Amino acid sequence: MNNYITIMYTNISREEQLSEVSACLSVFTDINDWTIDFGDIDKVLRISSRKEIDGQVSNALREVGLMSTVKEVFPC
């Protein structure tokens, strides 16, 4: 079974937004884990998942007013 690491640049800038992000990502049952690097200027969202879901995640975040740009998807 393949797994994927998705790297996305976001506009998530406050820890208070984590509940919105968590709610968006919780509907994706293929996500194993995710983190946001608040120390990075691009506020990198890193997602580990069982399938490629970058487009769906971008759309879900956009629906709640959060922007994201897919930087890279790595199969592993």
Protein backbone atom coordinates (compact mmCIF):
# COMPACT_ATOMS: atom_id res chain seq x y z
CA MET A 1 0.00 0.00 0.00
CA ASN A 2 1.39 3.40 -1.01
CA ASN A 3 1.38 6.43 1.22
CA TYR A 4 1.79 10.05 0.19
CA ILE A 5 3.32 13.12 1.80
CA THR A 6 1.71 16.35 0.61
CA ILE A 7 3.44 19.66 1.20
CA MET A 8 1.26 22.77 0.94
CA TYR A 9 1.93 26.46 1.48
CA THR A 10 -0.95 28.10 3.37
CA ASN A 11 -2.19 31.35 4.86
CA ILE A 12 -2.83 29.66 8.22
CA SER A 13 -1.13 32.12 10.52
CA ARG A 14 -2.70 31.68 13.97
CA GLU A 15 -3.00 28.69 16.23
CA GLU A 16 -6.65 29.67 16.71
CA GLN A 17 -7.24 28.52 13.12
CA LEU A 18 -6.22 24.97 13.98
CA SER A 19 -9.79 24.01 14.89
CA GLU A 20 -10.95 25.05 11.39
CA VAL A 21 -8.12 23.10 9.79
CA SER A 22 -8.79 20.09 11.99
CA ALA A 23 -12.50 20.13 11.10
CA CYS A 24 -11.67 20.31 7.38
CA LEU A 25 -9.14 17.52 7.49
CA SER A 26 -11.12 15.21 9.79
CA VAL A 27 -13.53 14.35 6.96
CA PHE A 28 -10.68 12.79 4.97
CA THR A 29 -10.43 9.23 6.28
CA ASP A 30 -7.29 8.63 4.21
CA ILE A 31 -5.25 11.16 6.23
CA ASN A 32 -2.90 9.49 8.69
CA ASP A 33 -1.37 12.63 10.20
CA TRP A 34 -0.88 16.34 9.54
CA THR A 35 1.15 19.23 10.93
CA ILE A 36 1.53 22.96 10.32
CA ASP A 37 4.89 24.69 10.65
CA PHE A 38 4.11 28.13 12.09
CA GLY A 39 7.84 28.90 12.16
CA ASP A 40 8.08 28.72 8.37
CA ILE A 41 7.23 31.85 6.38
CA ASP A 42 5.03 29.73 4.07
CA LYS A 43 3.11 28.16 7.00
CA VAL A 44 3.71 24.71 5.54
CA LEU A 45 0.95 22.14 5.98
CA ARG A 46 2.37 18.61 5.79
CA ILE A 47 -0.12 15.79 5.28
CA SER A 48 0.55 12.07 5.40
CA SER A 49 -2.20 10.11 3.63
CA ARG A 50 -3.02 6.78 2.05
CA LYS A 51 -3.91 8.38 -1.31
CA GLU A 52 -3.37 11.62 -3.19
CA ILE A 53 -5.83 14.15 -1.78
CA ASP A 54 -4.15 17.49 -2.44
CA GLY A 55 -6.93 18.89 -4.66
CA GLN A 56 -9.72 17.90 -2.30
CA VAL A 57 -7.88 19.34 0.71
CA SER A 58 -7.26 22.62 -1.13
CA ASN A 59 -10.95 22.88 -1.95
CA ALA A 60 -12.03 22.09 1.62
CA LEU A 61 -9.68 24.71 3.06
CA ARG A 62 -10.84 27.29 0.51
CA GLU A 63 -14.47 26.71 1.57
CA VAL A 64 -13.63 27.96 5.07
CA GLY A 65 -11.55 30.90 3.83
CA LEU A 66 -8.09 29.34 4.09
CA MET A 67 -5.82 29.40 1.09
CA SER A 68 -3.28 26.74 0.14
CA THR A 69 -0.90 26.01 -2.69
CA VAL A 70 0.34 22.51 -3.31
CA LYS A 71 4.12 22.59 -3.38
CA GLU A 72 4.79 18.87 -3.81
CA VAL A 73 3.32 15.38 -3.37
CA PHE A 74 5.75 12.58 -2.55
CA PRO A 75 4.81 8.91 -2.86
CA CYS A 76 6.48 6.86 -0.16
